[in-house]
Amino acid sequence: MLILIFLLVFINLQKGFSETEINGIDALKMAKCYMDAFYQKPPSIPRNDIVAMEETLNPHLAFSEQIDNCLMDIEAIVMFILPKTYRPYN
């Protein structure tokens, strides 16, 4: 997910700083969405004893349930940015 955010920012920066309007708040919202979804509970590190499956799977399930919301938020930000930056006739 962080790679996706980086690529999104990098692609927009290739168009030039004057045409790019990536807001730091938007980038923080995307990062927070990812962190909230993935790091709700620290992942378990299997040891010699038996680790409860629920405890191990919770972070992965939380992330998979929230990934669609994160992607929709990113898409909404991109749709907001593109009309301002896309100028085919300039």
PDB file of N, CA and C in Angstrom:
ATOM      1  N   MET A   1       0.817  -1.187   0.000  1.00  0.00           N
ATOM      2  CA  MET A   1       0.000   0.000   0.000  1.00  0.00           C
ATOM      3  C   MET A   1       0.869   1.263   0.000  1.00  0.00           C
ATOM      4  N   LEU A   2       1.916   1.226   0.798  1.00  0.00           N
ATOM      5  CA  LEU A   2       2.793   2.391   0.825  1.00  0.00           C
ATOM      6  C   LEU A   2       3.465   2.601  -0.530  1.00  0.00           C
ATOM      7  N   ILE A   3       3.728   1.496  -1.232  1.00  0.00           N
ATOM      8  CA  ILE A   3       4.306   1.611  -2.574  1.00  0.00           C
ATOM      9  C   ILE A   3       3.316   2.288  -3.505  1.00  0.00           C
ATOM     10  N   LEU A   4       2.031   1.933  -3.377  1.00  0.00           N
ATOM     11  CA  LEU A   4       0.987   2.554  -4.198  1.00  0.00           C
ATOM     12  C   LEU A   4       0.920   4.056  -3.939  1.00  0.00           C
ATOM     13  N   ILE A   5       0.986   4.449  -2.679  1.00  0.00           N
ATOM     14  CA  ILE A   5       0.961   5.870  -2.333  1.00  0.00           C
ATOM     15  C   ILE A   5       2.180   6.572  -2.927  1.00  0.00           C
ATOM     16  N   PHE A   6       3.352   5.935  -2.801  1.00  0.00           N
ATOM     17  CA  PHE A   6       4.564   6.526  -3.359  1.00  0.00           C
ATOM     18  C   PHE A   6       4.439   6.704  -4.867  1.00  0.00           C
ATOM     19  N   LEU A   7       3.953   5.664  -5.559  1.00  0.00           N
ATOM     20  CA  LEU A   7       3.808   5.756  -7.016  1.00  0.00           C
ATOM     21  C   LEU A   7       2.828   6.848  -7.410  1.00  0.00           C
ATOM     22  N   LEU A   8       1.745   6.968  -6.659  1.00  0.00           N
ATOM     23  CA  LEU A   8       0.749   8.002  -6.932  1.00  0.00           C
ATOM     24  C   LEU A   8       1.383   9.389  -6.839  1.00  0.00           C
ATOM     25  N   VAL A   9       2.146   9.616  -5.795  1.00  0.00           N
ATOM     26  CA  VAL A   9       2.820  10.901  -5.617  1.00  0.00           C
ATOM     27  C   VAL A   9       3.887  11.096  -6.691  1.00  0.00           C
ATOM     28  N   PHE A  10       4.683  10.055  -6.964  1.00  0.00           N
ATOM     29  CA  PHE A  10       5.762  10.150  -7.941  1.00  0.00           C
ATOM     30  C   PHE A  10       5.234  10.466  -9.333  1.00  0.00           C
ATOM     31  N   ILE A  11       4.160   9.807  -9.750  1.00  0.00           N
ATOM     32  CA  ILE A  11       3.578  10.049 -11.074  1.00  0.00           C
ATOM     33  C   ILE A  11       3.118  11.494 -11.188  1.00  0.00           C
ATOM     34  N   ASN A  12       2.484  12.002 -10.156  1.00  0.00           N
ATOM     35  CA  ASN A  12       2.015  13.383 -10.195  1.00  0.00           C
ATOM     36  C   ASN A  12       3.174  14.377 -10.186  1.00  0.00           C
ATOM     37  N   LEU A  13       4.258  14.049  -9.498  1.00  0.00           N
ATOM     38  CA  LEU A  13       5.404  14.954  -9.465  1.00  0.00           C
ATOM     39  C   LEU A  13       6.122  15.003 -10.812  1.00  0.00           C
ATOM     40  N   GLN A  14       5.974  13.972 -11.628  1.00  0.00           N
ATOM     41  CA  GLN A  14       6.600  13.966 -12.944  1.00  0.00           C
ATOM     42  C   GLN A  14       6.002  15.033 -13.855  1.00  0.00           C
ATOM     43  N   LYS A  15       4.792  15.484 -13.562  1.00  0.00           N
ATOM     44  CA  LYS A  15       4.120  16.489 -14.389  1.00  0.00           C
ATOM     45  C   LYS A  15       4.641  17.892 -14.104  1.00  0.00           C
ATOM     46  N   GLY A  16       5.381  18.054 -13.053  1.00  0.00           N
ATOM     47  CA  GLY A  16       5.915  19.375 -12.710  1.00  0.00           C
ATOM     48  C   GLY A  16       5.264  19.908 -11.457  1.00  0.00           C
ATOM     49  N   PHE A  17       6.047  20.607 -10.672  1.00  0.00           N
ATOM     50  CA  PHE A  17       5.538  21.099  -9.394  1.00  0.00           C
ATOM     51  C   PHE A  17       4.427  22.123  -9.568  1.00  0.00           C
ATOM     52  N   SER A  18       4.466  22.917 -10.625  1.00  0.00           N
ATOM     53  CA  SER A  18       3.458  23.962 -10.779  1.00  0.00           C
ATOM     54  C   SER A  18       2.078  23.385 -11.066  1.00  0.00           C
ATOM     55  N   GLU A  19       2.026  22.205 -11.687  1.00  0.00           N
ATOM     56  CA  GLU A  19       0.736  21.608 -12.016  1.00  0.00           C
ATOM     57  C   GLU A  19       0.272  20.610 -10.969  1.00  0.00           C
ATOM     58  N   THR A  20       1.113  20.278 -10.033  1.00  0.00           N
ATOM     59  CA  THR A  20       0.787  19.245  -9.058  1.00  0.00           C
ATOM     60  C   THR A  20       0.213  19.881  -7.803  1.00  0.00           C
ATOM     61  N   GLU A  21      -0.900  19.347  -7.374  1.00  0.00           N
ATOM     62  CA  GLU A  21      -1.518  19.851  -6.151  1.00  0.00           C
ATOM     63  C   GLU A  21      -1.774  18.699  -5.197  1.00  0.00           C
ATOM     64  N   ILE A  22      -0.720  18.022  -4.809  1.00  0.00           N
ATOM     65  CA  ILE A  22      -0.863  16.948  -3.839  1.00  0.00           C
ATOM     66  C   ILE A  22      -0.756  17.575  -2.467  1.00  0.00           C
ATOM     67  N   ASN A  23      -1.798  17.420  -1.719  1.00  0.00           N
ATOM     68  CA  ASN A  23      -1.883  18.004  -0.402  1.00  0.00           C
ATOM     69  C   ASN A  23      -1.247  17.050   0.601  1.00  0.00           C
ATOM     70  N   GLY A  24      -0.442  17.564   1.491  1.00  0.00           N
ATOM     71  CA  GLY A  24       0.160  16.733   2.523  1.00  0.00           C
ATOM     72  C   GLY A  24      -0.881  16.084   3.406  1.00  0.00           C
ATOM     73  N   ILE A  25      -1.998  16.761   3.614  1.00  0.00           N
ATOM     74  CA  ILE A  25      -3.075  16.202   4.432  1.00  0.00           C
ATOM     75  C   ILE A  25      -3.650  14.965   3.757  1.00  0.00           C
ATOM     76  N   ASP A  26      -3.799  14.995   2.422  1.00  0.00           N
ATOM     77  CA  ASP A  26      -4.304  13.830   1.699  1.00  0.00           C
ATOM     78  C   ASP A  26      -3.352  12.646   1.826  1.00  0.00           C
ATOM     79  N   ALA A  27      -2.057  12.911   1.727  1.00  0.00           N
ATOM     80  CA  ALA A  27      -1.071  11.837   1.876  1.00  0.00           C
ATOM     81  C   ALA A  27      -1.124  11.256   3.283  1.00  0.00           C
ATOM     82  N   LEU A  28      -1.296  12.117   4.282  1.00  0.00           N
ATOM     83  CA  LEU A  28      -1.412  11.634   5.658  1.00  0.00           C
ATOM     84  C   LEU A  28      -2.674  10.818   5.860  1.00  0.00           C
ATOM     85  N   LYS A  29      -3.779  11.217   5.212  1.00  0.00           N
ATOM     86  CA  LYS A  29      -5.022  10.448   5.317  1.00  0.00           C
ATOM     87  C   LYS A  29      -4.833   9.048   4.751  1.00  0.00           C
ATOM     88  N   MET A  30      -4.155   8.947   3.599  1.00  0.00           N
ATOM     89  CA  MET A  30      -3.919   7.635   2.996  1.00  0.00           C
ATOM     90  C   MET A  30      -3.032   6.778   3.895  1.00  0.00           C
ATOM     91  N   ALA A  31      -1.973   7.373   4.426  1.00  0.00           N
ATOM     92  CA  ALA A  31      -1.072   6.627   5.297  1.00  0.00           C
ATOM     93  C   ALA A  31      -1.778   6.198   6.576  1.00  0.00           C
ATOM     94  N   LYS A  32      -2.601   7.079   7.140  1.00  0.00           N
ATOM     95  CA  LYS A  32      -3.338   6.752   8.363  1.00  0.00           C
ATOM     96  C   LYS A  32      -4.328   5.628   8.112  1.00  0.00           C
ATOM     97  N   CYS A  33      -4.989   5.660   6.961  1.00  0.00           N
ATOM     98  CA  CYS A  33      -5.940   4.610   6.612  1.00  0.00           C
ATOM     99  C   CYS A  33      -5.229   3.258   6.566  1.00  0.00           C
ATOM    100  N   TYR A  34      -4.076   3.228   5.932  1.00  0.00           N
ATOM    101  CA  TYR A  34      -3.295   1.995   5.840  1.00  0.00           C
ATOM    102  C   TYR A  34      -2.855   1.529   7.222  1.00  0.00           C
ATOM    103  N   MET A  35      -2.320   2.445   8.012  1.00  0.00           N
ATOM    104  CA  MET A  35      -1.827   2.080   9.337  1.00  0.00           C
ATOM    105  C   MET A  35      -2.959   1.614  10.244  1.00  0.00           C
ATOM    106  N   ASP A  36      -4.100   2.306  10.195  1.00  0.00           N
ATOM    107  CA  ASP A  36      -5.239   1.911  11.024  1.00  0.00           C
ATOM    108  C   ASP A  36      -5.724   0.519  10.651  1.00  0.00           C
ATOM    109  N   ALA A  37      -5.752   0.230   9.353  1.00  0.00           N
ATOM    110  CA  ALA A  37      -6.263  -1.059   8.904  1.00  0.00           C
ATOM    111  C   ALA A  37      -5.306  -2.195   9.233  1.00  0.00           C
ATOM    112  N   PHE A  38      -4.020  -1.972   9.038  1.00  0.00           N
ATOM    113  CA  PHE A  38      -3.070  -3.077   9.160  1.00  0.00           C
ATOM    114  C   PHE A  38      -2.553  -3.282  10.571  1.00  0.00           C
ATOM    115  N   TYR A  39      -2.379  -2.210  11.305  1.00  0.00           N
ATOM    116  CA  TYR A  39      -1.734  -2.317  12.608  1.00  0.00           C
ATOM    117  C   TYR A  39      -2.698  -2.155  13.766  1.00  0.00           C
ATOM    118  N   GLN A  40      -3.915  -2.679  13.627  1.00  0.00           N
ATOM    119  CA  GLN A  40      -4.868  -2.593  14.731  1.00  0.00           C
ATOM    120  C   GLN A  40      -4.394  -3.405  15.932  1.00  0.00           C
ATOM    121  N   LYS A  41      -3.728  -4.489  15.664  1.00  0.00           N
ATOM    122  CA  LYS A  41      -3.245  -5.353  16.730  1.00  0.00           C
ATOM    123  C   LYS A  41      -1.868  -5.871  16.313  1.00  0.00           C
ATOM    124  N   PRO A  42      -0.897  -5.873  17.195  1.00  0.00           N
ATOM    125  CA  PRO A  42       0.424  -6.359  16.793  1.00  0.00           C
ATOM    126  C   PRO A  42       0.354  -7.814  16.336  1.00  0.00           C
ATOM    127  N   PRO A  43       1.015  -8.154  15.244  1.00  0.00           N
ATOM    128  CA  PRO A  43       0.974  -9.539  14.785  1.00  0.00           C
ATOM    129  C   PRO A  43       1.696 -10.460  15.757  1.00  0.00           C
ATOM    130  N   SER A  44       1.210 -11.665  15.835  1.00  0.00           N
ATOM    131  CA  SER A  44       1.831 -12.646  16.719  1.00  0.00           C
ATOM    132  C   SER A  44       3.032 -13.280  16.032  1.00  0.00           C
ATOM    133  N   ILE A  45       4.051 -13.525  16.795  1.00  0.00           N
ATOM    134  CA  ILE A  45       5.215 -14.235  16.278  1.00  0.00           C
ATOM    135  C   ILE A  45       5.140 -15.653  16.827  1.00  0.00           C
ATOM    136  N   PRO A  46       4.949 -16.635  15.942  1.00  0.00           N
ATOM    137  CA  PRO A  46       4.840 -18.020  16.437  1.00  0.00           C
ATOM    138  C   PRO A  46       6.090 -18.431  17.217  1.00  0.00           C
ATOM    139  N   ARG A  47       5.838 -19.071  18.328  1.00  0.00           N
ATOM    140  CA  ARG A  47       6.938 -19.557  19.166  1.00  0.00           C
ATOM    141  C   ARG A  47       6.839 -21.082  19.227  1.00  0.00           C
ATOM    142  N   ASN A  48       7.506 -21.664  20.175  1.00  0.00           N
ATOM    143  CA  ASN A  48       7.454 -23.116  20.314  1.00  0.00           C
ATOM    144  C   ASN A  48       6.084 -23.584  20.779  1.00  0.00           C
ATOM    145  N   ASP A  49       5.357 -22.729  21.495  1.00  0.00           N
ATOM    146  CA  ASP A  49       4.027 -23.126  21.958  1.00  0.00           C
ATOM    147  C   ASP A  49       2.980 -22.792  20.894  1.00  0.00           C
ATOM    148  N   ILE A  50       1.769 -23.214  21.126  1.00  0.00           N
ATOM    149  CA  ILE A  50       0.685 -23.010  20.162  1.00  0.00           C
ATOM    150  C   ILE A  50       0.162 -21.584  20.282  1.00  0.00           C
ATOM    151  N   VAL A  51       0.055 -20.888  19.151  1.00  0.00           N
ATOM    152  CA  VAL A  51      -0.471 -19.531  19.107  1.00  0.00           C
ATOM    153  C   VAL A  51      -1.884 -19.617  18.556  1.00  0.00           C
ATOM    154  N   ALA A  52      -2.809 -18.941  19.213  1.00  0.00           N
ATOM    155  CA  ALA A  52      -4.200 -18.986  18.753  1.00  0.00           C
ATOM    156  C   ALA A  52      -4.307 -18.443  17.334  1.00  0.00           C
ATOM    157  N   MET A  53      -5.055 -19.159  16.478  1.00  0.00           N
ATOM    158  CA  MET A  53      -5.187 -18.749  15.083  1.00  0.00           C
ATOM    159  C   MET A  53      -5.837 -17.375  14.979  1.00  0.00           C
ATOM    160  N   GLU A  54      -6.835 -17.114  15.810  1.00  0.00           N
ATOM    161  CA  GLU A  54      -7.524 -15.820  15.765  1.00  0.00           C
ATOM    162  C   GLU A  54      -6.553 -14.667  16.029  1.00  0.00           C
ATOM    163  N   GLU A  55      -5.679 -14.861  16.997  1.00  0.00           N
ATOM    164  CA  GLU A  55      -4.718 -13.818  17.355  1.00  0.00           C
ATOM    165  C   GLU A  55      -3.747 -13.546  16.206  1.00  0.00           C
ATOM    166  N   THR A  56      -3.379 -14.582  15.489  1.00  0.00           N
ATOM    167  CA  THR A  56      -2.452 -14.430  14.372  1.00  0.00           C
ATOM    168  C   THR A  56      -3.124 -13.817  13.159  1.00  0.00           C
ATOM    169  N   LEU A  57      -4.381 -14.177  12.904  1.00  0.00           N
ATOM    170  CA  LEU A  57      -5.066 -13.724  11.694  1.00  0.00           C
ATOM    171  C   LEU A  57      -5.720 -12.354  11.817  1.00  0.00           C
ATOM    172  N   ASN A  58      -5.976 -11.874  13.027  1.00  0.00           N
ATOM    173  CA  ASN A  58      -6.690 -10.602  13.199  1.00  0.00           C
ATOM    174  C   ASN A  58      -6.104  -9.439  12.402  1.00  0.00           C
ATOM    175  N   PRO A  59      -4.795  -9.189  12.455  1.00  0.00           N
ATOM    176  CA  PRO A  59      -4.269  -8.053  11.678  1.00  0.00           C
ATOM    177  C   PRO A  59      -4.492  -8.209  10.181  1.00  0.00           C
ATOM    178  N   HIS A  60      -4.350  -9.431   9.681  1.00  0.00           N
ATOM    179  CA  HIS A  60      -4.529  -9.663   8.254  1.00  0.00           C
ATOM    180  C   HIS A  60      -5.989  -9.496   7.846  1.00  0.00           C
ATOM    181  N   LEU A  61      -6.899  -9.982   8.683  1.00  0.00           N
ATOM    182  CA  LEU A  61      -8.326  -9.829   8.395  1.00  0.00           C
ATOM    183  C   LEU A  61      -8.744  -8.367   8.472  1.00  0.00           C
ATOM    184  N   ALA A  62      -8.237  -7.657   9.459  1.00  0.00           N
ATOM    185  CA  ALA A  62      -8.568  -6.233   9.593  1.00  0.00           C
ATOM    186  C   ALA A  62      -8.093  -5.471   8.367  1.00  0.00           C
ATOM    187  N   PHE A  63      -6.897  -5.788   7.886  1.00  0.00           N
ATOM    188  CA  PHE A  63      -6.377  -5.107   6.705  1.00  0.00           C
ATOM    189  C   PHE A  63      -7.216  -5.435   5.477  1.00  0.00           C
ATOM    190  N   SER A  64      -7.548  -6.712   5.284  1.00  0.00           N
ATOM    191  CA  SER A  64      -8.296  -7.089   4.084  1.00  0.00           C
ATOM    192  C   SER A  64      -9.701  -6.506   4.094  1.00  0.00           C
ATOM    193  N   GLU A  65     -10.289  -6.310   5.270  1.00  0.00           N
ATOM    194  CA  GLU A  65     -11.619  -5.702   5.344  1.00  0.00           C
ATOM    195  C   GLU A  65     -11.562  -4.212   5.012  1.00  0.00           C
ATOM    196  N   GLN A  66     -10.458  -3.560   5.303  1.00  0.00           N
ATOM    197  CA  GLN A  66     -10.353  -2.116   5.124  1.00  0.00           C
ATOM    198  C   GLN A  66      -9.668  -1.691   3.832  1.00  0.00           C
ATOM    199  N   ILE A  67      -9.048  -2.624   3.116  1.00  0.00           N
ATOM    200  CA  ILE A  67      -8.284  -2.234   1.930  1.00  0.00           C
ATOM    201  C   ILE A  67      -9.176  -1.575   0.883  1.00  0.00           C
ATOM    202  N   ASP A  68     -10.413  -2.055   0.725  1.00  0.00           N
ATOM    203  CA  ASP A  68     -11.310  -1.444  -0.257  1.00  0.00           C
ATOM    204  C   ASP A  68     -11.604   0.011   0.091  1.00  0.00           C
ATOM    205  N   ASN A  69     -11.810   0.287   1.371  1.00  0.00           N
ATOM    206  CA  ASN A  69     -12.054   1.668   1.797  1.00  0.00           C
ATOM    207  C   ASN A  69     -10.835   2.541   1.530  1.00  0.00           C
ATOM    208  N   CYS A  70      -9.650   2.016   1.800  1.00  0.00           N
ATOM    209  CA  CYS A  70      -8.425   2.779   1.541  1.00  0.00           C
ATOM    210  C   CYS A  70      -8.288   3.074   0.054  1.00  0.00           C
ATOM    211  N   LEU A  71      -8.545   2.063  -0.785  1.00  0.00           N
ATOM    212  CA  LEU A  71      -8.416   2.254  -2.228  1.00  0.00           C
ATOM    213  C   LEU A  71      -9.442   3.249  -2.749  1.00  0.00           C
ATOM    214  N   MET A  72     -10.665   3.218  -2.209  1.00  0.00           N
ATOM    215  CA  MET A  72     -11.678   4.190  -2.635  1.00  0.00           C
ATOM    216  C   MET A  72     -11.271   5.603  -2.233  1.00  0.00           C
ATOM    217  N   ASP A  73     -10.680   5.764  -1.045  1.00  0.00           N
ATOM    218  CA  ASP A  73     -10.210   7.081  -0.613  1.00  0.00           C
ATOM    219  C   ASP A  73      -9.109   7.587  -1.538  1.00  0.00           C
ATOM    220  N   ILE A  74      -8.188   6.698  -1.910  1.00  0.00           N
ATOM    221  CA  ILE A  74      -7.117   7.091  -2.829  1.00  0.00           C
ATOM    222  C   ILE A  74      -7.701   7.473  -4.178  1.00  0.00           C
ATOM    223  N   GLU A  75      -8.658   6.676  -4.671  1.00  0.00           N
ATOM    224  CA  GLU A  75      -9.285   6.976  -5.963  1.00  0.00           C
ATOM    225  C   GLU A  75      -9.990   8.329  -5.926  1.00  0.00           C
ATOM    226  N   ALA A  76     -10.656   8.636  -4.808  1.00  0.00           N
ATOM    227  CA  ALA A  76     -11.340   9.922  -4.680  1.00  0.00           C
ATOM    228  C   ALA A  76     -10.335  11.072  -4.715  1.00  0.00           C
ATOM    229  N   ILE A  77      -9.196  10.887  -4.070  1.00  0.00           N
ATOM    230  CA  ILE A  77      -8.167  11.926  -4.080  1.00  0.00           C
ATOM    231  C   ILE A  77      -7.612  12.097  -5.486  1.00  0.00           C
ATOM    232  N   VAL A  78      -7.361  10.985  -6.183  1.00  0.00           N
ATOM    233  CA  VAL A  78      -6.840  11.052  -7.546  1.00  0.00           C
ATOM    234  C   VAL A  78      -7.836  11.751  -8.458  1.00  0.00           C
ATOM    235  N   MET A  79      -9.116  11.422  -8.339  1.00  0.00           N
ATOM    236  CA  MET A  79     -10.137  12.041  -9.177  1.00  0.00           C
ATOM    237  C   MET A  79     -10.221  13.542  -8.896  1.00  0.00           C
ATOM    238  N   PHE A  80      -9.935  13.940  -7.662  1.00  0.00           N
ATOM    239  CA  PHE A  80      -9.956  15.351  -7.299  1.00  0.00           C
ATOM    240  C   PHE A  80      -8.738  16.071  -7.882  1.00  0.00           C
ATOM    241  N   ILE A  81      -7.596  15.393  -7.920  1.00  0.00           N
ATOM    242  CA  ILE A  81      -6.356  16.003  -8.397  1.00  0.00           C
ATOM    243  C   ILE A  81      -6.298  16.051  -9.919  1.00  0.00           C
ATOM    244  N   LEU A  82      -6.687  14.975 -10.599  1.00  0.00           N
ATOM    245  CA  LEU A  82      -6.503  14.877 -12.044  1.00  0.00           C
ATOM    246  C   LEU A  82      -7.150  15.988 -12.857  1.00  0.00           C
ATOM    247  N   PRO A  83      -8.391  16.397 -12.598  1.00  0.00           N
ATOM    248  CA  PRO A  83      -8.957  17.463 -13.434  1.00  0.00           C
ATOM    249  C   PRO A  83      -8.137  18.747 -13.406  1.00  0.00           C
ATOM    250  N   LYS A  84      -7.484  19.033 -12.312  1.00  0.00           N
ATOM    251  CA  LYS A  84      -6.688  20.251 -12.196  1.00  0.00           C
ATOM    252  C   LYS A  84      -5.335  20.106 -12.888  1.00  0.00           C
ATOM    253  N   THR A  85      -4.792  18.886 -12.900  1.00  0.00           N
ATOM    254  CA  THR A  85      -3.439  18.705 -13.426  1.00  0.00           C
ATOM    255  C   THR A  85      -3.419  18.242 -14.872  1.00  0.00           C
ATOM    256  N   TYR A  86      -4.493  17.665 -15.353  1.00  0.00           N
ATOM    257  CA  TYR A  86      -4.502  17.127 -16.714  1.00  0.00           C
ATOM    258  C   TYR A  86      -4.892  18.218 -17.690  1.00  0.00           C
ATOM    259  N   ARG A  87      -3.914  18.670 -18.465  1.00  0.00           N
ATOM    260  CA  ARG A  87      -4.143  19.731 -19.448  1.00  0.00           C
ATOM    261  C   ARG A  87      -3.550  19.283 -20.785  1.00  0.00           C
ATOM    262  N   PRO A  88      -4.325  18.568 -21.602  1.00  0.00           N
ATOM    263  CA  PRO A  88      -3.749  17.999 -22.818  1.00  0.00           C
ATOM    264  C   PRO A  88      -3.376  19.029 -23.877  1.00  0.00           C
ATOM    265  N   TYR A  89      -3.961  20.222 -23.867  1.00  0.00           N
ATOM    266  CA  TYR A  89      -3.733  21.191 -24.941  1.00  0.00           C
ATOM    267  C   TYR A  89      -2.780  22.313 -24.559  1.00  0.00           C
ATOM    268  N   ASN A  90      -2.118  22.217 -23.397  1.00  0.00           N
ATOM    269  CA  ASN A  90      -1.179  23.272 -22.980  1.00  0.00           C
ATOM    270  C   ASN A  90       0.226  22.940 -23.388  1.00  0.00           C
TER     271      ASN A  90
END
